[in-house]
Amino acid sequence: PFVIVCNHQASLDLMGMVEVIPERCVPIAKRELLYLGTVGWACWLSGVIFIERRRRDAAIEVISRTASAMRRDNVR
């Protein structure tokens, strides 16, 4: 298992990141990206898991559920 951290500067960077992220990888992004129009829809449709950074407890809960599902499904 490993963690890839991507710091993008523009919404178009997301398309480039999709090309370098390995298969069977679980992408997590800040919830604000969901509201970037077409980019947000594409992220949502591709299975990105969004966390709300301003609500710490909710973010931790989402990450915990995601980690459990990742272990169960044997994905990164």
Protein backbone atom coordinates (compact mmCIF):
# COMPACT_ATOMS: atom_id res chain seq x y z
CA PRO A 1 0.00 0.00 0.00
CA PHE A 2 1.05 3.56 -0.62
CA VAL A 3 -0.24 7.12 -0.68
CA ILE A 4 0.12 9.49 -3.62
CA VAL A 5 -0.31 13.17 -2.83
CA CYS A 6 -1.00 15.47 -5.78
CA ASN A 7 -0.88 19.23 -5.42
CA HIS A 8 -2.51 20.64 -8.51
CA GLN A 9 -2.55 24.29 -9.56
CA ALA A 10 -5.53 24.27 -11.93
CA SER A 11 -8.60 22.16 -12.59
CA LEU A 12 -7.06 20.87 -15.84
CA ASP A 13 -4.26 19.26 -13.82
CA LEU A 14 -6.79 16.66 -12.70
CA MET A 15 -6.85 15.17 -16.19
CA GLY A 16 -3.07 14.70 -16.12
CA MET A 17 -3.18 13.16 -12.68
CA VAL A 18 -5.67 10.55 -13.88
CA GLU A 19 -3.03 9.29 -16.30
CA VAL A 20 -0.36 8.70 -13.64
CA ILE A 21 -2.51 7.24 -10.84
CA PRO A 22 -2.18 3.43 -10.76
CA GLU A 23 -5.10 1.08 -11.37
CA ARG A 24 -7.15 -0.06 -8.38
CA CYS A 25 -6.34 3.18 -6.61
CA VAL A 26 -8.90 5.00 -4.47
CA PRO A 27 -8.84 8.76 -5.11
CA ILE A 28 -9.83 11.12 -2.30
CA ALA A 29 -10.34 14.85 -2.90
CA LYS A 30 -11.59 17.90 -1.09
CA ARG A 31 -15.32 18.40 -1.42
CA GLU A 32 -14.87 21.82 -3.05
CA LEU A 33 -13.80 20.06 -6.26
CA LEU A 34 -17.28 18.61 -6.57
CA TYR A 35 -18.57 22.09 -7.41
CA LEU A 36 -16.19 22.80 -10.31
CA GLY A 37 -18.80 22.21 -13.00
CA THR A 38 -17.78 19.60 -15.57
CA VAL A 39 -14.64 18.70 -13.62
CA GLY A 40 -16.71 18.02 -10.49
CA TRP A 41 -19.13 15.82 -12.40
CA ALA A 42 -16.24 13.89 -13.99
CA CYS A 43 -14.64 13.34 -10.58
CA TRP A 44 -17.93 12.17 -9.08
CA LEU A 45 -18.64 9.83 -11.99
CA SER A 46 -15.14 8.35 -11.82
CA GLY A 47 -15.60 7.40 -8.18
CA VAL A 48 -13.60 10.08 -6.36
CA ILE A 49 -14.37 10.10 -2.63
CA PHE A 50 -14.91 13.63 -1.38
CA ILE A 51 -14.11 14.80 2.13
CA GLU A 52 -15.27 18.01 3.75
CA ARG A 53 -12.13 19.46 5.29
CA ARG A 54 -13.96 22.02 7.41
CA ARG A 55 -15.84 19.28 9.31
CA ARG A 56 -13.03 17.26 10.85
CA ASP A 57 -15.24 14.56 12.39
CA ALA A 58 -17.09 13.97 9.12
CA ALA A 59 -13.82 13.82 7.17
CA ILE A 60 -12.35 11.28 9.58
CA GLU A 61 -15.50 9.16 9.33
CA VAL A 62 -15.38 9.15 5.52
CA ILE A 63 -11.69 8.24 5.53
CA SER A 64 -12.28 5.45 8.08
CA ARG A 65 -15.11 3.93 6.03
CA THR A 66 -13.00 4.22 2.89
CA ALA A 67 -10.05 2.49 4.59
CA SER A 68 -12.32 -0.37 5.71
CA ALA A 69 -13.69 -0.80 2.19
CA MET A 70 -10.17 -0.68 0.75
CA ARG A 71 -8.99 -3.46 3.07
CA ARG A 72 -12.09 -5.51 2.28
CA ASP A 73 -11.68 -5.08 -1.51
CA ASN A 74 -7.86 -5.27 -1.44
CA VAL A 75 -7.28 -1.96 -3.25
CA ARG A 76 -4.72 0.78 -2.69
